[in-house]
């Protein structure tokens, strides 16, 4: 099972954070869409730019999870998530309050993007 750790800087450019440093927006993302994900983008809801793919060269297979970490100084709380599946199709999930959410599970059912979160 793929377990990748990804770090987000305050500008949402993704880079490694110092050891032990955690952002309050850190969360675990689980793929329960039924399809393998090639790209994941996480951006503030208020942004018009998706920034960089946080998966880099990795893929997130169906049923697997990835931990996404933010820089401690990042203050934004409400984020959107975009995925691009390995076949090139994409979908968006909107308005997650990552200051209160620690785990998001993404679903794709009959063309509808849904999620469970805790």
PDB file of N, CA and C in Angstrom:
ATOM      1  N   UNK A   1       0.843  -1.172   0.000  1.00  0.00           N
ATOM      2  CA  UNK A   1       0.000   0.000   0.000  1.00  0.00           C
ATOM      3  C   UNK A   1       0.893   1.241   0.000  1.00  0.00           C
ATOM      4  N   UNK A   2       0.605   2.190  -0.859  1.00  0.00           N
ATOM      5  CA  UNK A   2       1.366   3.421  -0.962  1.00  0.00           C
ATOM      6  C   UNK A   2       1.077   4.321   0.235  1.00  0.00           C
ATOM      7  N   UNK A   3       2.099   4.769   0.902  1.00  0.00           N
ATOM      8  CA  UNK A   3       1.978   5.715   2.011  1.00  0.00           C
ATOM      9  C   UNK A   3       3.010   6.790   1.761  1.00  0.00           C
ATOM     10  N   UNK A   4       2.603   7.901   1.197  1.00  0.00           N
ATOM     11  CA  UNK A   4       3.500   8.986   0.859  1.00  0.00           C
ATOM     12  C   UNK A   4       3.194  10.171   1.757  1.00  0.00           C
ATOM     13  N   UNK A   5       4.225  10.862   2.196  1.00  0.00           N
ATOM     14  CA  UNK A   5       4.039  12.074   2.975  1.00  0.00           C
ATOM     15  C   UNK A   5       4.390  13.262   2.099  1.00  0.00           C
ATOM     16  N   UNK A   6       3.513  14.253   2.087  1.00  0.00           N
ATOM     17  CA  UNK A   6       3.694  15.431   1.264  1.00  0.00           C
ATOM     18  C   UNK A   6       3.570  16.655   2.143  1.00  0.00           C
ATOM     19  N   UNK A   7       4.394  17.646   1.891  1.00  0.00           N
ATOM     20  CA  UNK A   7       4.411  18.854   2.715  1.00  0.00           C
ATOM     21  C   UNK A   7       4.018  20.060   1.873  1.00  0.00           C
ATOM     22  N   UNK A   8       3.212  20.965   2.434  1.00  0.00           N
ATOM     23  CA  UNK A   8       2.815  22.175   1.728  1.00  0.00           C
ATOM     24  C   UNK A   8       3.384  23.385   2.443  1.00  0.00           C
ATOM     25  N   UNK A   9       4.034  24.247   1.700  1.00  0.00           N
ATOM     26  CA  UNK A   9       4.546  25.503   2.254  1.00  0.00           C
ATOM     27  C   UNK A   9       3.427  26.525   2.279  1.00  0.00           C
ATOM     28  N   UNK A  10       3.652  27.641   2.942  1.00  0.00           N
ATOM     29  CA  UNK A  10       2.615  28.671   3.089  1.00  0.00           C
ATOM     30  C   UNK A  10       2.110  29.162   1.742  1.00  0.00           C
ATOM     31  N   UNK A  11       2.944  29.169   0.749  1.00  0.00           N
ATOM     32  CA  UNK A  11       2.544  29.639  -0.572  1.00  0.00           C
ATOM     33  C   UNK A  11       1.876  28.539  -1.391  1.00  0.00           C
ATOM     34  N   UNK A  12       1.714  27.368  -0.783  1.00  0.00           N
ATOM     35  CA  UNK A  12       1.162  26.185  -1.404  1.00  0.00           C
ATOM     36  C   UNK A  12       2.083  25.567  -2.438  1.00  0.00           C
ATOM     37  N   UNK A  13       3.311  26.022  -2.500  1.00  0.00           N
ATOM     38  CA  UNK A  13       4.322  25.283  -3.254  1.00  0.00           C
ATOM     39  C   UNK A  13       4.729  24.157  -2.329  1.00  0.00           C
ATOM     40  N   UNK A  14       4.793  22.944  -2.807  1.00  0.00           N
ATOM     41  CA  UNK A  14       4.981  21.818  -1.928  1.00  0.00           C
ATOM     42  C   UNK A  14       6.457  21.506  -1.761  1.00  0.00           C
ATOM     43  N   UNK A  15       6.911  21.536  -0.497  1.00  0.00           N
ATOM     44  CA  UNK A  15       8.313  21.294  -0.155  1.00  0.00           C
ATOM     45  C   UNK A  15       8.372  20.712   1.248  1.00  0.00           C
ATOM     46  N   UNK A  16       9.488  20.116   1.602  1.00  0.00           N
ATOM     47  CA  UNK A  16       9.634  19.479   2.911  1.00  0.00           C
ATOM     48  C   UNK A  16       9.637  20.499   4.039  1.00  0.00           C
ATOM     49  N   UNK A  17       8.945  20.177   5.121  1.00  0.00           N
ATOM     50  CA  UNK A  17       8.913  21.010   6.320  1.00  0.00           C
ATOM     51  C   UNK A  17       9.936  20.462   7.306  1.00  0.00           C
ATOM     52  N   UNK A  18      10.390  21.277   8.261  1.00  0.00           N
ATOM     53  CA  UNK A  18      11.345  20.788   9.265  1.00  0.00           C
ATOM     54  C   UNK A  18      10.773  19.616  10.051  1.00  0.00           C
ATOM     55  N   UNK A  19      11.637  18.726  10.487  1.00  0.00           N
ATOM     56  CA  UNK A  19      11.203  17.563  11.249  1.00  0.00           C
ATOM     57  C   UNK A  19      10.393  18.000  12.458  1.00  0.00           C
ATOM     58  N   UNK A  20       9.278  17.335  12.684  1.00  0.00           N
ATOM     59  CA  UNK A  20       8.430  17.634  13.823  1.00  0.00           C
ATOM     60  C   UNK A  20       7.474  18.792  13.592  1.00  0.00           C
ATOM     61  N   UNK A  21       7.668  19.539  12.526  1.00  0.00           N
ATOM     62  CA  UNK A  21       6.787  20.670  12.236  1.00  0.00           C
ATOM     63  C   UNK A  21       5.530  20.163  11.547  1.00  0.00           C
ATOM     64  N   UNK A  22       4.372  20.589  12.045  1.00  0.00           N
ATOM     65  CA  UNK A  22       3.114  20.192  11.449  1.00  0.00           C
ATOM     66  C   UNK A  22       2.206  21.385  11.332  1.00  0.00           C
ATOM     67  N   UNK A  23       1.459  21.417  10.265  1.00  0.00           N
ATOM     68  CA  UNK A  23       0.452  22.444  10.092  1.00  0.00           C
ATOM     69  C   UNK A  23      -0.869  21.955  10.644  1.00  0.00           C
ATOM     70  N   UNK A  24      -1.692  22.874  11.076  1.00  0.00           N
ATOM     71  CA  UNK A  24      -2.993  22.474  11.611  1.00  0.00           C
ATOM     72  C   UNK A  24      -3.902  21.920  10.521  1.00  0.00           C
ATOM     73  N   UNK A  25      -3.525  22.114   9.241  1.00  0.00           N
ATOM     74  CA  UNK A  25      -4.325  21.618   8.128  1.00  0.00           C
ATOM     75  C   UNK A  25      -3.928  20.211   7.678  1.00  0.00           C
ATOM     76  N   UNK A  26      -2.938  19.592   8.298  1.00  0.00           N
ATOM     77  CA  UNK A  26      -2.511  18.253   7.908  1.00  0.00           C
ATOM     78  C   UNK A  26      -3.717  17.311   7.872  1.00  0.00           C
ATOM     79  N   UNK A  27      -3.754  16.443   6.856  1.00  0.00           N
ATOM     80  CA  UNK A  27      -4.844  15.480   6.786  1.00  0.00           C
ATOM     81  C   UNK A  27      -4.428  14.237   6.010  1.00  0.00           C
ATOM     82  N   UNK A  28      -5.188  13.190   6.213  1.00  0.00           N
ATOM     83  CA  UNK A  28      -5.007  11.931   5.495  1.00  0.00           C
ATOM     84  C   UNK A  28      -6.068  11.882   4.403  1.00  0.00           C
ATOM     85  N   UNK A  29      -5.650  11.583   3.183  1.00  0.00           N
ATOM     86  CA  UNK A  29      -6.563  11.492   2.044  1.00  0.00           C
ATOM     87  C   UNK A  29      -6.645  10.035   1.615  1.00  0.00           C
ATOM     88  N   UNK A  30      -7.872   9.489   1.578  1.00  0.00           N
ATOM     89  CA  UNK A  30      -8.082   8.107   1.162  1.00  0.00           C
ATOM     90  C   UNK A  30      -8.854   8.093  -0.153  1.00  0.00           C
ATOM     91  N   UNK A  31      -8.363   7.299  -1.093  1.00  0.00           N
ATOM     92  CA  UNK A  31      -8.996   7.150  -2.401  1.00  0.00           C
ATOM     93  C   UNK A  31      -9.961   5.974  -2.367  1.00  0.00           C
ATOM     94  N   UNK A  32     -11.253   6.264  -2.370  1.00  0.00           N
ATOM     95  CA  UNK A  32     -12.286   5.235  -2.456  1.00  0.00           C
ATOM     96  C   UNK A  32     -13.157   5.496  -3.682  1.00  0.00           C
ATOM     97  N   UNK A  33     -12.542   6.059  -4.721  1.00  0.00           N
ATOM     98  CA  UNK A  33     -13.283   6.434  -5.932  1.00  0.00           C
ATOM     99  C   UNK A  33     -13.529   5.255  -6.859  1.00  0.00           C
ATOM    100  N   UNK A  34     -12.779   4.172  -6.681  1.00  0.00           N
ATOM    101  CA  UNK A  34     -12.891   3.039  -7.590  1.00  0.00           C
ATOM    102  C   UNK A  34     -11.890   3.109  -8.728  1.00  0.00           C
ATOM    103  N   UNK A  35     -11.089   4.185  -8.762  1.00  0.00           N
ATOM    104  CA  UNK A  35     -10.114   4.404  -9.830  1.00  0.00           C
ATOM    105  C   UNK A  35      -8.787   4.854  -9.226  1.00  0.00           C
ATOM    106  N   UNK A  36      -7.702   4.593  -9.930  1.00  0.00           N
ATOM    107  CA  UNK A  36      -6.391   5.054  -9.489  1.00  0.00           C
ATOM    108  C   UNK A  36      -6.221   6.531  -9.815  1.00  0.00           C
ATOM    109  N   UNK A  37      -5.653   7.284  -8.875  1.00  0.00           N
ATOM    110  CA  UNK A  37      -5.464   8.722  -9.021  1.00  0.00           C
ATOM    111  C   UNK A  37      -4.015   9.011  -9.393  1.00  0.00           C
ATOM    112  N   UNK A  38      -3.823   9.781 -10.458  1.00  0.00           N
ATOM    113  CA  UNK A  38      -2.483  10.156 -10.916  1.00  0.00           C
ATOM    114  C   UNK A  38      -2.020  11.468 -10.295  1.00  0.00           C
ATOM    115  N   UNK A  39      -2.953  12.401 -10.066  1.00  0.00           N
ATOM    116  CA  UNK A  39      -2.600  13.729  -9.566  1.00  0.00           C
ATOM    117  C   UNK A  39      -3.587  14.161  -8.489  1.00  0.00           C
ATOM    118  N   UNK A  40      -3.079  14.877  -7.484  1.00  0.00           N
ATOM    119  CA  UNK A  40      -3.904  15.460  -6.424  1.00  0.00           C
ATOM    120  C   UNK A  40      -3.471  16.915  -6.257  1.00  0.00           C
ATOM    121  N   UNK A  41      -4.440  17.804  -6.257  1.00  0.00           N
ATOM    122  CA  UNK A  41      -4.183  19.223  -6.037  1.00  0.00           C
ATOM    123  C   UNK A  41      -4.983  19.668  -4.823  1.00  0.00           C
ATOM    124  N   UNK A  42      -4.360  20.459  -3.966  1.00  0.00           N
ATOM    125  CA  UNK A  42      -5.016  21.001  -2.782  1.00  0.00           C
ATOM    126  C   UNK A  42      -4.755  22.504  -2.792  1.00  0.00           C
ATOM    127  N   UNK A  43      -5.826  23.294  -2.834  1.00  0.00           N
ATOM    128  CA  UNK A  43      -5.676  24.745  -2.916  1.00  0.00           C
ATOM    129  C   UNK A  43      -6.736  25.423  -2.065  1.00  0.00           C
ATOM    130  N   UNK A  44      -6.411  26.604  -1.538  1.00  0.00           N
ATOM    131  CA  UNK A  44      -7.430  27.340  -0.788  1.00  0.00           C
ATOM    132  C   UNK A  44      -8.661  27.576  -1.657  1.00  0.00           C
ATOM    133  N   UNK A  45      -9.829  27.452  -1.066  1.00  0.00           N
ATOM    134  CA  UNK A  45     -11.068  27.683  -1.789  1.00  0.00           C
ATOM    135  C   UNK A  45     -11.069  29.056  -2.445  1.00  0.00           C
ATOM    136  N   UNK A  46     -10.422  30.023  -1.833  1.00  0.00           N
ATOM    137  CA  UNK A  46     -10.390  31.387  -2.348  1.00  0.00           C
ATOM    138  C   UNK A  46      -9.432  31.571  -3.522  1.00  0.00           C
ATOM    139  N   UNK A  47      -8.641  30.545  -3.860  1.00  0.00           N
ATOM    140  CA  UNK A  47      -7.628  30.655  -4.907  1.00  0.00           C
ATOM    141  C   UNK A  47      -8.184  30.295  -6.279  1.00  0.00           C
ATOM    142  N   UNK A  48      -7.619  30.923  -7.314  1.00  0.00           N
ATOM    143  CA  UNK A  48      -7.949  30.579  -8.690  1.00  0.00           C
ATOM    144  C   UNK A  48      -6.898  29.667  -9.301  1.00  0.00           C
ATOM    145  N   UNK A  49      -5.921  29.232  -8.503  1.00  0.00           N
ATOM    146  CA  UNK A  49      -4.792  28.460  -8.997  1.00  0.00           C
ATOM    147  C   UNK A  49      -4.662  27.166  -8.197  1.00  0.00           C
ATOM    148  N   UNK A  50      -4.545  26.035  -8.885  1.00  0.00           N
ATOM    149  CA  UNK A  50      -4.417  24.749  -8.214  1.00  0.00           C
ATOM    150  C   UNK A  50      -3.000  24.463  -7.764  1.00  0.00           C
ATOM    151  N   UNK A  51      -2.036  25.276  -8.144  1.00  0.00           N
ATOM    152  CA  UNK A  51      -0.634  25.071  -7.767  1.00  0.00           C
ATOM    153  C   UNK A  51      -0.102  23.768  -8.354  1.00  0.00           C
ATOM    154  N   UNK A  52       0.720  23.038  -7.596  1.00  0.00           N
ATOM    155  CA  UNK A  52       1.385  21.840  -8.090  1.00  0.00           C
ATOM    156  C   UNK A  52       0.704  20.557  -7.622  1.00  0.00           C
ATOM    157  N   UNK A  53       0.898  19.507  -8.404  1.00  0.00           N
ATOM    158  CA  UNK A  53       0.417  18.173  -8.052  1.00  0.00           C
ATOM    159  C   UNK A  53       1.184  17.687  -6.830  1.00  0.00           C
ATOM    160  N   UNK A  54       0.486  17.428  -5.723  1.00  0.00           N
ATOM    161  CA  UNK A  54       1.168  17.015  -4.503  1.00  0.00           C
ATOM    162  C   UNK A  54       1.652  15.572  -4.549  1.00  0.00           C
ATOM    163  N   UNK A  55       1.202  14.805  -5.534  1.00  0.00           N
ATOM    164  CA  UNK A  55       1.631  13.419  -5.651  1.00  0.00           C
ATOM    165  C   UNK A  55       2.983  13.279  -6.342  1.00  0.00           C
ATOM    166  N   UNK A  56       3.410  14.301  -7.048  1.00  0.00           N
ATOM    167  CA  UNK A  56       4.672  14.195  -7.766  1.00  0.00           C
ATOM    168  C   UNK A  56       4.603  13.062  -8.768  1.00  0.00           C
ATOM    169  N   UNK A  57       5.522  12.129  -8.679  1.00  0.00           N
ATOM    170  CA  UNK A  57       5.565  10.983  -9.593  1.00  0.00           C
ATOM    171  C   UNK A  57       4.723   9.806  -9.110  1.00  0.00           C
ATOM    172  N   UNK A  58       4.239   9.863  -7.878  1.00  0.00           N
ATOM    173  CA  UNK A  58       3.476   8.758  -7.301  1.00  0.00           C
ATOM    174  C   UNK A  58       2.036   8.757  -7.788  1.00  0.00           C
ATOM    175  N   UNK A  59       1.381   7.619  -7.667  1.00  0.00           N
ATOM    176  CA  UNK A  59      -0.055   7.522  -7.892  1.00  0.00           C
ATOM    177  C   UNK A  59      -0.700   7.060  -6.585  1.00  0.00           C
ATOM    178  N   UNK A  60      -1.979   7.338  -6.469  1.00  0.00           N
ATOM    179  CA  UNK A  60      -2.745   6.914  -5.295  1.00  0.00           C
ATOM    180  C   UNK A  60      -3.781   5.904  -5.781  1.00  0.00           C
ATOM    181  N   UNK A  61      -3.460   4.643  -5.614  1.00  0.00           N
ATOM    182  CA  UNK A  61      -4.338   3.584  -6.092  1.00  0.00           C
ATOM    183  C   UNK A  61      -5.632   3.559  -5.286  1.00  0.00           C
ATOM    184  N   UNK A  62      -6.672   3.020  -5.901  1.00  0.00           N
ATOM    185  CA  UNK A  62      -7.945   2.887  -5.213  1.00  0.00           C
ATOM    186  C   UNK A  62      -7.745   2.087  -3.922  1.00  0.00           C
ATOM    187  N   UNK A  63      -8.296   2.582  -2.829  1.00  0.00           N
ATOM    188  CA  UNK A  63      -8.185   1.919  -1.535  1.00  0.00           C
ATOM    189  C   UNK A  63      -6.969   2.339  -0.721  1.00  0.00           C
ATOM    190  N   UNK A  64      -6.097   3.148  -1.300  1.00  0.00           N
ATOM    191  CA  UNK A  64      -4.891   3.580  -0.594  1.00  0.00           C
ATOM    192  C   UNK A  64      -5.056   4.999  -0.047  1.00  0.00           C
ATOM    193  N   UNK A  65      -4.128   5.370   0.834  1.00  0.00           N
ATOM    194  CA  UNK A  65      -4.167   6.668   1.500  1.00  0.00           C
ATOM    195  C   UNK A  65      -2.832   7.374   1.378  1.00  0.00           C
ATOM    196  N   UNK A  66      -2.869   8.684   1.540  1.00  0.00           N
ATOM    197  CA  UNK A  66      -1.663   9.504   1.546  1.00  0.00           C
ATOM    198  C   UNK A  66      -1.834  10.555   2.644  1.00  0.00           C
ATOM    199  N   UNK A  67      -0.763  10.854   3.360  1.00  0.00           N
ATOM    200  CA  UNK A  67      -0.778  11.917   4.365  1.00  0.00           C
ATOM    201  C   UNK A  67      -0.278  13.196   3.714  1.00  0.00           C
ATOM    202  N   UNK A  68      -1.027  14.263   3.864  1.00  0.00           N
ATOM    203  CA  UNK A  68      -0.657  15.553   3.298  1.00  0.00           C
ATOM    204  C   UNK A  68      -0.401  16.512   4.451  1.00  0.00           C
ATOM    205  N   UNK A  69       0.787  17.124   4.441  1.00  0.00           N
ATOM    206  CA  UNK A  69       1.212  18.008   5.521  1.00  0.00           C
ATOM    207  C   UNK A  69       1.408  19.431   5.010  1.00  0.00           C
ATOM    208  N   UNK A  70       1.076  20.386   5.861  1.00  0.00           N
ATOM    209  CA  UNK A  70       1.232  21.803   5.560  1.00  0.00           C
ATOM    210  C   UNK A  70       2.283  22.407   6.480  1.00  0.00           C
ATOM    211  N   UNK A  71       2.880  23.498   6.044  1.00  0.00           N
ATOM    212  CA  UNK A  71       3.828  24.225   6.877  1.00  0.00           C
ATOM    213  C   UNK A  71       3.089  24.792   8.092  1.00  0.00           C
ATOM    214  N   UNK A  72       3.731  24.821   9.260  1.00  0.00           N
ATOM    215  CA  UNK A  72       3.077  25.303  10.478  1.00  0.00           C
ATOM    216  C   UNK A  72       2.578  26.750  10.376  1.00  0.00           C
ATOM    217  N   UNK A  73       3.212  27.570   9.593  1.00  0.00           N
ATOM    218  CA  UNK A  73       2.814  28.982   9.527  1.00  0.00           C
ATOM    219  C   UNK A  73       1.646  29.250   8.586  1.00  0.00           C
ATOM    220  N   UNK A  74       1.190  28.258   7.846  1.00  0.00           N
ATOM    221  CA  UNK A  74       0.058  28.437   6.936  1.00  0.00           C
ATOM    222  C   UNK A  74      -1.205  28.676   7.763  1.00  0.00           C
ATOM    223  N   UNK A  75      -1.941  29.734   7.477  1.00  0.00           N
ATOM    224  CA  UNK A  75      -3.109  30.120   8.275  1.00  0.00           C
ATOM    225  C   UNK A  75      -4.445  29.791   7.618  1.00  0.00           C
ATOM    226  N   UNK A  76      -4.468  29.592   6.306  1.00  0.00           N
ATOM    227  CA  UNK A  76      -5.706  29.305   5.573  1.00  0.00           C
ATOM    228  C   UNK A  76      -6.308  27.994   6.072  1.00  0.00           C
ATOM    229  N   UNK A  77      -7.637  27.928   6.197  1.00  0.00           N
ATOM    230  CA  UNK A  77      -8.285  26.703   6.688  1.00  0.00           C
ATOM    231  C   UNK A  77      -9.143  25.999   5.639  1.00  0.00           C
ATOM    232  N   UNK A  78      -9.831  26.722   4.780  1.00  0.00           N
ATOM    233  CA  UNK A  78     -10.790  26.115   3.859  1.00  0.00           C
ATOM    234  C   UNK A  78     -10.126  25.851   2.507  1.00  0.00           C
ATOM    235  N   UNK A  79     -10.123  24.568   2.123  1.00  0.00           N
ATOM    236  CA  UNK A  79      -9.422  24.116   0.917  1.00  0.00           C
ATOM    237  C   UNK A  79     -10.324  23.272   0.029  1.00  0.00           C
ATOM    238  N   UNK A  80      -9.977  23.257  -1.261  1.00  0.00           N
ATOM    239  CA  UNK A  80     -10.599  22.379  -2.238  1.00  0.00           C
ATOM    240  C   UNK A  80      -9.580  21.320  -2.639  1.00  0.00           C
ATOM    241  N   UNK A  81     -10.087  20.181  -3.102  1.00  0.00           N
ATOM    242  CA  UNK A  81      -9.233  19.093  -3.567  1.00  0.00           C
ATOM    243  C   UNK A  81      -9.649  18.750  -4.993  1.00  0.00           C
ATOM    244  N   UNK A  82      -8.674  18.644  -5.877  1.00  0.00           N
ATOM    245  CA  UNK A  82      -8.908  18.195  -7.252  1.00  0.00           C
ATOM    246  C   UNK A  82      -8.075  16.950  -7.483  1.00  0.00           C
ATOM    247  N   UNK A  83      -8.699  15.937  -8.102  1.00  0.00           N
ATOM    248  CA  UNK A  83      -7.944  14.753  -8.500  1.00  0.00           C
ATOM    249  C   UNK A  83      -8.044  14.582 -10.001  1.00  0.00           C
ATOM    250  N   UNK A  84      -6.977  14.010 -10.560  1.00  0.00           N
ATOM    251  CA  UNK A  84      -6.949  13.601 -11.956  1.00  0.00           C
ATOM    252  C   UNK A  84      -6.635  12.112 -11.943  1.00  0.00           C
ATOM    253  N   UNK A  85      -7.568  11.329 -12.481  1.00  0.00           N
ATOM    254  CA  UNK A  85      -7.363   9.893 -12.520  1.00  0.00           C
ATOM    255  C   UNK A  85      -6.362   9.528 -13.603  1.00  0.00           C
ATOM    256  N   UNK A  86      -5.879   8.315 -13.564  1.00  0.00           N
ATOM    257  CA  UNK A  86      -4.857   7.868 -14.513  1.00  0.00           C
ATOM    258  C   UNK A  86      -5.359   7.894 -15.956  1.00  0.00           C
ATOM    259  N   UNK A  87      -6.680   7.905 -16.171  1.00  0.00           N
ATOM    260  CA  UNK A  87      -7.209   7.997 -17.537  1.00  0.00           C
ATOM    261  C   UNK A  87      -7.382   9.439 -18.005  1.00  0.00           C
ATOM    262  N   UNK A  88      -7.025  10.426 -17.138  1.00  0.00           N
ATOM    263  CA  UNK A  88      -7.103  11.835 -17.498  1.00  0.00           C
ATOM    264  C   UNK A  88      -8.368  12.549 -17.053  1.00  0.00           C
ATOM    265  N   UNK A  89      -9.420  11.814 -16.652  1.00  0.00           N
ATOM    266  CA  UNK A  89     -10.625  12.458 -16.133  1.00  0.00           C
ATOM    267  C   UNK A  89     -10.299  13.123 -14.802  1.00  0.00           C
ATOM    268  N   UNK A  90     -11.073  14.134 -14.437  1.00  0.00           N
ATOM    269  CA  UNK A  90     -10.820  14.847 -13.183  1.00  0.00           C
ATOM    270  C   UNK A  90     -12.114  15.200 -12.479  1.00  0.00           C
ATOM    271  N   UNK A  91     -12.008  15.480 -11.179  1.00  0.00           N
ATOM    272  CA  UNK A  91     -13.151  15.890 -10.365  1.00  0.00           C
ATOM    273  C   UNK A  91     -12.658  16.744  -9.213  1.00  0.00           C
ATOM    274  N   UNK A  92     -13.545  17.600  -8.715  1.00  0.00           N
ATOM    275  CA  UNK A  92     -13.231  18.498  -7.605  1.00  0.00           C
ATOM    276  C   UNK A  92     -14.143  18.205  -6.416  1.00  0.00           C
ATOM    277  N   UNK A  93     -13.582  18.344  -5.232  1.00  0.00           N
ATOM    278  CA  UNK A  93     -14.315  18.305  -3.972  1.00  0.00           C
ATOM    279  C   UNK A  93     -14.061  19.647  -3.319  1.00  0.00           C
ATOM    280  N   UNK A  94     -15.086  20.307  -2.819  1.00  0.00           N
ATOM    281  CA  UNK A  94     -14.975  21.698  -2.387  1.00  0.00           C
ATOM    282  C   UNK A  94     -15.188  21.901  -0.891  1.00  0.00           C
ATOM    283  N   UNK A  95     -14.509  22.938  -0.407  1.00  0.00           N
ATOM    284  CA  UNK A  95     -14.735  23.551   0.908  1.00  0.00           C
ATOM    285  C   UNK A  95     -14.558  22.621   2.107  1.00  0.00           C
ATOM    286  N   UNK A  96     -13.377  22.028   2.209  1.00  0.00           N
ATOM    287  CA  UNK A  96     -13.035  21.273   3.412  1.00  0.00           C
ATOM    288  C   UNK A  96     -12.351  22.210   4.397  1.00  0.00           C
ATOM    289  N   UNK A  97     -12.839  22.272   5.627  1.00  0.00           N
ATOM    290  CA  UNK A  97     -12.176  23.053   6.669  1.00  0.00           C
ATOM    291  C   UNK A  97     -11.073  22.185   7.256  1.00  0.00           C
ATOM    292  N   UNK A  98      -9.869  22.325   6.709  1.00  0.00           N
ATOM    293  CA  UNK A  98      -8.759  21.470   7.115  1.00  0.00           C
ATOM    294  C   UNK A  98      -8.222  21.802   8.499  1.00  0.00           C
ATOM    295  N   UNK A  99      -8.696  22.873   9.101  1.00  0.00           N
ATOM    296  CA  UNK A  99      -8.311  23.167  10.487  1.00  0.00           C
ATOM    297  C   UNK A  99      -9.087  22.287  11.464  1.00  0.00           C
ATOM    298  N   UNK A 100     -10.175  21.662  10.988  1.00  0.00           N
ATOM    299  CA  UNK A 100     -10.972  20.790  11.844  1.00  0.00           C
ATOM    300  C   UNK A 100     -11.084  19.367  11.299  1.00  0.00           C
ATOM    301  N   UNK A 101     -10.680  19.148  10.053  1.00  0.00           N
ATOM    302  CA  UNK A 101     -10.777  17.833   9.412  1.00  0.00           C
ATOM    303  C   UNK A 101      -9.402  17.173   9.398  1.00  0.00           C
ATOM    304  N   UNK A 102      -9.329  15.901   9.780  1.00  0.00           N
ATOM    305  CA  UNK A 102      -8.049  15.202   9.788  1.00  0.00           C
ATOM    306  C   UNK A 102      -7.994  14.028   8.801  1.00  0.00           C
ATOM    307  N   UNK A 103      -9.149  13.616   8.286  1.00  0.00           N
ATOM    308  CA  UNK A 103      -9.184  12.486   7.353  1.00  0.00           C
ATOM    309  C   UNK A 103     -10.315  12.713   6.353  1.00  0.00           C
ATOM    310  N   UNK A 104      -9.979  12.642   5.060  1.00  0.00           N
ATOM    311  CA  UNK A 104     -10.966  12.782   3.995  1.00  0.00           C
ATOM    312  C   UNK A 104     -10.922  11.516   3.151  1.00  0.00           C
ATOM    313  N   UNK A 105     -12.096  10.919   2.923  1.00  0.00           N
ATOM    314  CA  UNK A 105     -12.215   9.787   2.015  1.00  0.00           C
ATOM    315  C   UNK A 105     -13.042  10.240   0.819  1.00  0.00           C
ATOM    316  N   UNK A 106     -12.450  10.138  -0.374  1.00  0.00           N
ATOM    317  CA  UNK A 106     -13.102  10.575  -1.608  1.00  0.00           C
ATOM    318  C   UNK A 106     -13.831   9.412  -2.268  1.00  0.00           C
ATOM    319  N   UNK A 107     -15.051   9.695  -2.756  1.00  0.00           N
ATOM    320  CA  UNK A 107     -15.861   8.715  -3.471  1.00  0.00           C
ATOM    321  C   UNK A 107     -16.284   9.288  -4.819  1.00  0.00           C
ATOM    322  N   UNK A 108     -16.493   8.405  -5.781  1.00  0.00           N
ATOM    323  CA  UNK A 108     -16.995   8.789  -7.103  1.00  0.00           C
ATOM    324  C   UNK A 108     -18.054   7.766  -7.465  1.00  0.00           C
ATOM    325  N   UNK A 109     -19.309   8.207  -7.558  1.00  0.00           N
ATOM    326  CA  UNK A 109     -20.404   7.288  -7.795  1.00  0.00           C
ATOM    327  C   UNK A 109     -21.343   7.867  -8.846  1.00  0.00           C
ATOM    328  N   UNK A 110     -21.432   7.203  -9.982  1.00  0.00           N
ATOM    329  CA  UNK A 110     -22.310   7.641 -11.082  1.00  0.00           C
ATOM    330  C   UNK A 110     -22.072   9.100 -11.461  1.00  0.00           C
ATOM    331  N   UNK A 111     -20.813   9.476 -11.550  1.00  0.00           N
ATOM    332  CA  UNK A 111     -20.462  10.828 -11.979  1.00  0.00           C
ATOM    333  C   UNK A 111     -20.591  11.887 -10.901  1.00  0.00           C
ATOM    334  N   UNK A 112     -20.761  11.481  -9.661  1.00  0.00           N
ATOM    335  CA  UNK A 112     -20.931  12.432  -8.566  1.00  0.00           C
ATOM    336  C   UNK A 112     -19.796  12.307  -7.557  1.00  0.00           C
ATOM    337  N   UNK A 113     -19.150  13.435  -7.260  1.00  0.00           N
ATOM    338  CA  UNK A 113     -18.063  13.481  -6.290  1.00  0.00           C
ATOM    339  C   UNK A 113     -18.651  13.664  -4.892  1.00  0.00           C
ATOM    340  N   UNK A 114     -18.386  12.702  -4.001  1.00  0.00           N
ATOM    341  CA  UNK A 114     -18.801  12.826  -2.605  1.00  0.00           C
ATOM    342  C   UNK A 114     -17.613  12.507  -1.713  1.00  0.00           C
ATOM    343  N   UNK A 115     -17.746  12.833  -0.445  1.00  0.00           N
ATOM    344  CA  UNK A 115     -16.659  12.577   0.493  1.00  0.00           C
ATOM    345  C   UNK A 115     -17.215  12.360   1.891  1.00  0.00           C
ATOM    346  N   UNK A 116     -16.456  11.597   2.655  1.00  0.00           N
ATOM    347  CA  UNK A 116     -16.688  11.486   4.096  1.00  0.00           C
ATOM    348  C   UNK A 116     -15.466  12.075   4.749  1.00  0.00           C
ATOM    349  N   UNK A 117     -15.657  12.740   5.861  1.00  0.00           N
ATOM    350  CA  UNK A 117     -14.506  13.333   6.545  1.00  0.00           C
ATOM    351  C   UNK A 117     -14.738  13.351   8.037  1.00  0.00           C
ATOM    352  N   UNK A 118     -13.621  13.359   8.756  1.00  0.00           N
ATOM    353  CA  UNK A 118     -13.680  13.392  10.219  1.00  0.00           C
ATOM    354  C   UNK A 118     -12.604  14.327  10.731  1.00  0.00           C
TER     355      UNK A 118
END
